[in-house]
Amino acid sequence: MTKAQRFRCGFRASVEGMDEERVLARLDRIDALDRNGAAPGELLAELRGLLHEAEDSARAQERNVREGVVERLHTAPHGT
């Protein structure tokens, strides 16, 4: 079992909105690099890539939430 497979259930909530296959593929690459004795810089590059994708996804989710709130405010009945 790869690390990606072990993390799959633990990351499910964290990768919501992200391409799960891409995340798992990157985790598999990180695992393979580690198993093959890759230089720390190579591992860090993959981890940074994963982090950047997570940050991009989080920003997109925040933007979607904000847009949803604005839309609900526009369509909500106005009290007097």
Protein backbone atom coordinates (compact mmCIF):
# COMPACT_ATOMS: atom_id res chain seq x y z
CA MET A 1 0.00 0.00 0.00
CA THR A 2 1.42 3.39 -0.98
CA LYS A 3 1.34 6.46 1.23
CA ALA A 4 -1.21 7.96 -1.14
CA GLN A 5 -3.51 5.01 -0.54
CA ARG A 6 -3.03 5.25 3.21
CA PHE A 7 -3.74 8.98 3.15
CA ARG A 8 -6.70 8.68 0.80
CA CYS A 9 -9.38 8.54 3.50
CA GLY A 10 -7.61 11.07 5.71
CA PHE A 11 -7.28 13.60 2.90
CA ARG A 12 -10.79 13.20 1.51
CA ALA A 13 -12.14 16.27 3.33
CA SER A 14 -8.95 18.23 2.70
CA VAL A 15 -8.94 17.71 -1.05
CA GLU A 16 -12.60 18.44 -1.57
CA GLY A 17 -12.78 20.64 -4.63
CA MET A 18 -9.35 19.50 -5.81
CA ASP A 19 -8.73 16.89 -8.45
CA GLU A 20 -8.33 13.88 -6.18
CA GLU A 21 -6.51 11.86 -8.85
CA ARG A 22 -3.93 14.63 -9.26
CA VAL A 23 -3.39 14.84 -5.51
CA LEU A 24 -3.01 11.08 -5.18
CA ALA A 25 -0.68 10.94 -8.20
CA ARG A 26 1.50 13.63 -6.64
CA LEU A 27 1.54 11.76 -3.31
CA ASP A 28 2.56 8.61 -5.19
CA ARG A 29 5.39 10.56 -6.89
CA ILE A 30 6.55 11.87 -3.52
CA ASP A 31 6.45 8.33 -2.11
CA ALA A 32 8.41 6.98 -5.10
CA LEU A 33 11.01 9.75 -4.82
CA ASP A 34 11.40 8.99 -1.12
CA ARG A 35 11.72 5.23 -1.71
CA ASN A 36 14.35 5.83 -4.39
CA GLY A 37 16.44 8.08 -2.17
CA ALA A 38 15.73 11.33 -3.99
CA ALA A 39 17.50 14.47 -2.88
CA PRO A 40 15.61 16.54 -0.33
CA GLY A 41 15.22 19.31 -2.92
CA GLU A 42 13.29 17.00 -5.22
CA LEU A 43 10.94 15.97 -2.43
CA LEU A 44 10.46 19.58 -1.40
CA ALA A 45 9.66 20.60 -4.98
CA GLU A 46 6.87 18.02 -5.13
CA LEU A 47 5.57 19.03 -1.71
CA ARG A 48 5.61 22.69 -2.71
CA GLY A 49 3.69 21.83 -5.87
CA LEU A 50 1.07 20.03 -3.82
CA LEU A 51 0.86 22.98 -1.44
CA HIS A 52 0.43 25.47 -4.31
CA GLU A 53 -2.38 23.37 -5.78
CA ALA A 54 -4.07 23.21 -2.36
CA GLU A 55 -3.74 26.97 -1.93
CA ASP A 56 -5.20 27.61 -5.40
CA SER A 57 -8.08 25.28 -4.64
CA ALA A 58 -8.74 26.96 -1.28
CA ARG A 59 -8.79 30.40 -2.91
CA ALA A 60 -11.23 29.15 -5.57
CA GLN A 61 -13.47 27.64 -2.89
CA GLU A 62 -13.41 30.88 -0.88
CA ARG A 63 -14.31 32.84 -4.02
CA ASN A 64 -17.22 30.48 -4.72
CA VAL A 65 -18.47 30.82 -1.13
CA ARG A 66 -18.28 34.62 -1.32
CA GLU A 67 -20.11 34.67 -4.65
CA GLY A 68 -22.80 32.39 -3.20
CA VAL A 69 -23.29 34.67 -0.22
CA VAL A 70 -23.57 37.74 -2.44
CA GLU A 71 -26.08 35.95 -4.67
CA ARG A 72 -28.19 34.92 -1.66
CA LEU A 73 -28.12 38.49 -0.36
CA HIS A 74 -29.29 39.81 -3.74
CA THR A 75 -32.15 37.32 -3.96
CA ALA A 76 -33.23 37.41 -0.30
CA PRO A 77 -36.48 39.18 0.48
CA HIS A 78 -35.86 42.58 1.99
CA GLY A 79 -37.63 43.27 5.29
CA THR A 80 -39.05 46.61 6.21
